[in-house]
Amino acid sequence: MKPIPRTHLSVVAGLLEILEDYEGKVDAAKIADELMLELDDILPVIEAAGMLGFIKVDSGDLILTEKGREYLAGNSTQRKKILN
């Protein structure tokens, strides 16, 4: 199994929050542009979120999963349970 890319969970949560703002689906390039970053800069975060099951990637679109929504809605204890 491939290791999860090194990134902070707060950055992953930030990505999930952005996706939630876009009603759960947005083009990855649009997010990179909005954050004034290169797509390559956010790829590790996208990959980590995908490996954790928080998002799906489909034809360049990032789609927030139910697990991602649960993670966003949870308090710190619930988030720890989801990560385990």
N, C-alpha and C. Protein backbone atom coordinates (compact mmCIF):
# COMPACT_ATOMS: atom_id res chain seq x y z
N MET A 1 0.84 -1.19 0.00
CA MET A 1 0.00 0.00 0.00
C MET A 1 0.88 1.24 0.00
N LYS A 2 0.54 2.18 -0.81
CA LYS A 2 1.29 3.42 -0.94
C LYS A 2 1.06 4.31 0.29
N PRO A 3 2.13 4.92 0.83
CA PRO A 3 1.95 5.80 1.99
C PRO A 3 1.22 7.09 1.62
N ILE A 4 0.51 7.62 2.59
CA ILE A 4 -0.20 8.89 2.40
C ILE A 4 0.85 10.00 2.30
N PRO A 5 0.71 10.90 1.32
CA PRO A 5 1.67 12.01 1.19
C PRO A 5 1.75 12.84 2.46
N ARG A 6 2.92 13.39 2.71
CA ARG A 6 3.12 14.24 3.89
C ARG A 6 2.37 15.55 3.71
N THR A 7 1.41 15.76 4.55
CA THR A 7 0.66 17.02 4.57
C THR A 7 -0.02 17.11 5.93
N HIS A 8 -0.41 18.28 6.31
CA HIS A 8 -1.08 18.48 7.58
C HIS A 8 -2.58 18.22 7.42
N LEU A 9 -3.18 17.63 8.43
CA LEU A 9 -4.63 17.38 8.38
C LEU A 9 -5.41 18.68 8.28
N SER A 10 -4.86 19.75 8.83
CA SER A 10 -5.56 21.04 8.74
C SER A 10 -5.65 21.51 7.28
N VAL A 11 -4.64 21.18 6.48
CA VAL A 11 -4.66 21.55 5.06
C VAL A 11 -5.68 20.69 4.33
N VAL A 12 -5.74 19.41 4.67
CA VAL A 12 -6.75 18.52 4.08
C VAL A 12 -8.15 19.02 4.45
N ALA A 13 -8.34 19.38 5.72
CA ALA A 13 -9.64 19.89 6.16
C ALA A 13 -9.99 21.18 5.42
N GLY A 14 -8.99 22.02 5.17
CA GLY A 14 -9.22 23.24 4.40
C GLY A 14 -9.70 22.94 2.99
N LEU A 15 -9.10 21.94 2.37
CA LEU A 15 -9.54 21.53 1.04
C LEU A 15 -10.99 21.05 1.08
N LEU A 16 -11.32 20.26 2.10
CA LEU A 16 -12.69 19.76 2.24
C LEU A 16 -13.67 20.92 2.42
N GLU A 17 -13.27 21.93 3.19
CA GLU A 17 -14.14 23.10 3.40
C GLU A 17 -14.37 23.85 2.10
N ILE A 18 -13.32 23.97 1.28
CA ILE A 18 -13.47 24.62 -0.02
C ILE A 18 -14.45 23.82 -0.88
N LEU A 19 -14.29 22.51 -0.88
CA LEU A 19 -15.21 21.67 -1.65
C LEU A 19 -16.65 21.84 -1.17
N GLU A 20 -16.81 21.93 0.13
CA GLU A 20 -18.16 22.13 0.69
C GLU A 20 -18.74 23.46 0.22
N ASP A 21 -17.89 24.49 0.15
CA ASP A 21 -18.34 25.80 -0.35
C ASP A 21 -18.83 25.72 -1.79
N TYR A 22 -18.26 24.80 -2.55
CA TYR A 22 -18.67 24.59 -3.95
C TYR A 22 -19.72 23.49 -4.07
N GLU A 23 -20.43 23.24 -2.99
CA GLU A 23 -21.50 22.24 -2.94
C GLU A 23 -21.01 20.83 -3.26
N GLY A 24 -19.74 20.55 -2.92
CA GLY A 24 -19.22 19.20 -2.99
C GLY A 24 -18.54 18.79 -4.27
N LYS A 25 -18.44 19.70 -5.25
CA LYS A 25 -17.79 19.33 -6.51
C LYS A 25 -17.20 20.56 -7.18
N VAL A 26 -15.91 20.47 -7.53
CA VAL A 26 -15.24 21.58 -8.22
C VAL A 26 -14.00 21.06 -8.94
N ASP A 27 -13.63 21.74 -10.00
CA ASP A 27 -12.45 21.39 -10.76
C ASP A 27 -11.19 21.70 -9.95
N ALA A 28 -10.25 20.76 -9.93
CA ALA A 28 -9.02 20.93 -9.15
C ALA A 28 -8.23 22.16 -9.59
N ALA A 29 -8.19 22.42 -10.87
CA ALA A 29 -7.46 23.60 -11.37
C ALA A 29 -8.08 24.89 -10.88
N LYS A 30 -9.40 24.91 -10.72
CA LYS A 30 -10.09 26.11 -10.22
C LYS A 30 -9.68 26.38 -8.77
N ILE A 31 -9.58 25.33 -7.98
CA ILE A 31 -9.15 25.50 -6.58
C ILE A 31 -7.72 26.03 -6.54
N ALA A 32 -6.84 25.44 -7.33
CA ALA A 32 -5.44 25.89 -7.37
C ALA A 32 -5.38 27.36 -7.76
N ASP A 33 -6.15 27.73 -8.76
CA ASP A 33 -6.17 29.13 -9.21
C ASP A 33 -6.69 30.05 -8.11
N GLU A 34 -7.75 29.63 -7.45
CA GLU A 34 -8.35 30.44 -6.38
C GLU A 34 -7.36 30.65 -5.24
N LEU A 35 -6.57 29.62 -4.94
CA LEU A 35 -5.59 29.70 -3.86
C LEU A 35 -4.27 30.32 -4.33
N MET A 36 -4.22 30.68 -5.62
CA MET A 36 -3.01 31.25 -6.21
C MET A 36 -1.82 30.30 -6.06
N LEU A 37 -2.08 29.03 -6.33
CA LEU A 37 -1.04 28.00 -6.29
C LEU A 37 -1.03 27.26 -7.61
N GLU A 38 0.08 26.60 -7.87
CA GLU A 38 0.15 25.71 -9.02
C GLU A 38 -0.57 24.42 -8.64
N LEU A 39 -1.14 23.76 -9.62
CA LEU A 39 -1.84 22.50 -9.36
C LEU A 39 -0.90 21.50 -8.71
N ASP A 40 0.37 21.49 -9.14
CA ASP A 40 1.35 20.58 -8.54
C ASP A 40 1.51 20.80 -7.04
N ASP A 41 1.28 22.04 -6.58
CA ASP A 41 1.43 22.35 -5.16
C ASP A 41 0.33 21.74 -4.30
N ILE A 42 -0.85 21.56 -4.89
CA ILE A 42 -1.94 21.00 -4.08
C ILE A 42 -2.18 19.51 -4.35
N LEU A 43 -1.45 18.94 -5.31
CA LEU A 43 -1.64 17.51 -5.61
C LEU A 43 -1.42 16.59 -4.40
N PRO A 44 -0.39 16.83 -3.56
CA PRO A 44 -0.23 15.96 -2.39
C PRO A 44 -1.44 16.02 -1.44
N VAL A 45 -2.03 17.18 -1.31
CA VAL A 45 -3.21 17.34 -0.45
C VAL A 45 -4.40 16.59 -1.06
N ILE A 46 -4.56 16.72 -2.37
CA ILE A 46 -5.64 16.01 -3.07
C ILE A 46 -5.44 14.51 -2.94
N GLU A 47 -4.20 14.05 -3.13
CA GLU A 47 -3.91 12.63 -3.04
C GLU A 47 -4.17 12.11 -1.62
N ALA A 48 -3.75 12.86 -0.61
CA ALA A 48 -3.98 12.44 0.78
C ALA A 48 -5.47 12.38 1.08
N ALA A 49 -6.23 13.39 0.66
CA ALA A 49 -7.67 13.40 0.90
C ALA A 49 -8.35 12.22 0.20
N GLY A 50 -7.87 11.90 -0.99
CA GLY A 50 -8.43 10.75 -1.71
C GLY A 50 -8.10 9.44 -1.03
N MET A 51 -6.86 9.28 -0.57
CA MET A 51 -6.46 8.04 0.10
C MET A 51 -7.21 7.85 1.42
N LEU A 52 -7.57 8.96 2.07
CA LEU A 52 -8.34 8.88 3.31
C LEU A 52 -9.83 8.65 3.04
N GLY A 53 -10.23 8.70 1.78
CA GLY A 53 -11.63 8.48 1.42
C GLY A 53 -12.51 9.70 1.57
N PHE A 54 -11.90 10.88 1.71
CA PHE A 54 -12.66 12.10 1.91
C PHE A 54 -13.14 12.72 0.59
N ILE A 55 -12.42 12.42 -0.49
CA ILE A 55 -12.81 12.93 -1.80
C ILE A 55 -12.63 11.84 -2.84
N LYS A 56 -13.30 12.02 -3.98
CA LYS A 56 -13.05 11.22 -5.17
C LYS A 56 -12.60 12.21 -6.24
N VAL A 57 -11.77 11.73 -7.16
CA VAL A 57 -11.34 12.56 -8.28
C VAL A 57 -11.89 11.93 -9.55
N ASP A 58 -12.61 12.72 -10.34
CA ASP A 58 -13.21 12.23 -11.56
C ASP A 58 -13.02 13.27 -12.67
N SER A 59 -12.20 12.94 -13.65
CA SER A 59 -11.94 13.82 -14.79
C SER A 59 -11.54 15.24 -14.37
N GLY A 60 -10.69 15.32 -13.36
CA GLY A 60 -10.21 16.61 -12.89
C GLY A 60 -11.08 17.29 -11.86
N ASP A 61 -12.28 16.74 -11.64
CA ASP A 61 -13.18 17.29 -10.61
C ASP A 61 -12.91 16.61 -9.28
N LEU A 62 -12.92 17.40 -8.22
CA LEU A 62 -12.83 16.87 -6.86
C LEU A 62 -14.24 16.79 -6.32
N ILE A 63 -14.58 15.63 -5.79
CA ILE A 63 -15.94 15.40 -5.30
C ILE A 63 -15.87 14.98 -3.84
N LEU A 64 -16.54 15.74 -2.99
CA LEU A 64 -16.57 15.47 -1.56
C LEU A 64 -17.42 14.21 -1.31
N THR A 65 -16.86 13.24 -0.58
CA THR A 65 -17.58 12.01 -0.28
C THR A 65 -18.37 12.16 1.02
N GLU A 66 -19.20 11.19 1.29
CA GLU A 66 -19.96 11.20 2.54
C GLU A 66 -19.00 11.16 3.74
N LYS A 67 -17.94 10.37 3.62
CA LYS A 67 -16.94 10.30 4.70
C LYS A 67 -16.29 11.67 4.91
N GLY A 68 -16.03 12.39 3.82
CA GLY A 68 -15.47 13.74 3.93
C GLY A 68 -16.43 14.69 4.63
N ARG A 69 -17.71 14.56 4.31
CA ARG A 69 -18.73 15.39 4.96
C ARG A 69 -18.81 15.07 6.45
N GLU A 70 -18.73 13.79 6.79
CA GLU A 70 -18.75 13.38 8.21
C GLU A 70 -17.54 13.96 8.94
N TYR A 71 -16.39 13.91 8.29
CA TYR A 71 -15.18 14.45 8.91
C TYR A 71 -15.33 15.95 9.18
N LEU A 72 -15.85 16.68 8.23
CA LEU A 72 -16.05 18.12 8.41
C LEU A 72 -17.03 18.42 9.53
N ALA A 73 -18.08 17.62 9.63
CA ALA A 73 -19.14 17.87 10.61
C ALA A 73 -18.73 17.44 12.02
N GLY A 74 -17.72 16.58 12.12
CA GLY A 74 -17.36 16.01 13.42
C GLY A 74 -16.54 16.93 14.30
N ASN A 75 -16.64 16.67 15.60
CA ASN A 75 -15.75 17.36 16.54
C ASN A 75 -14.42 16.62 16.56
N SER A 76 -13.47 17.05 17.37
CA SER A 76 -12.14 16.45 17.33
C SER A 76 -12.16 14.96 17.67
N THR A 77 -13.00 14.54 18.60
CA THR A 77 -13.08 13.13 18.96
C THR A 77 -13.67 12.31 17.80
N GLN A 78 -14.70 12.81 17.18
CA GLN A 78 -15.30 12.11 16.04
C GLN A 78 -14.33 12.06 14.87
N ARG A 79 -13.58 13.12 14.65
CA ARG A 79 -12.61 13.14 13.56
C ARG A 79 -11.51 12.10 13.79
N LYS A 80 -11.07 11.94 15.04
CA LYS A 80 -10.06 10.93 15.35
C LYS A 80 -10.59 9.54 15.06
N LYS A 81 -11.86 9.29 15.40
CA LYS A 81 -12.46 7.98 15.12
C LYS A 81 -12.51 7.72 13.62
N ILE A 82 -12.86 8.73 12.85
CA ILE A 82 -12.92 8.58 11.39
C ILE A 82 -11.53 8.26 10.83
N LEU A 83 -10.51 8.92 11.35
CA LEU A 83 -9.15 8.68 10.87
C LEU A 83 -8.64 7.30 11.23
N ASN A 84 -9.12 6.75 12.34
CA ASN A 84 -8.67 5.41 12.73
C ASN A 84 -9.41 4.39 11.93
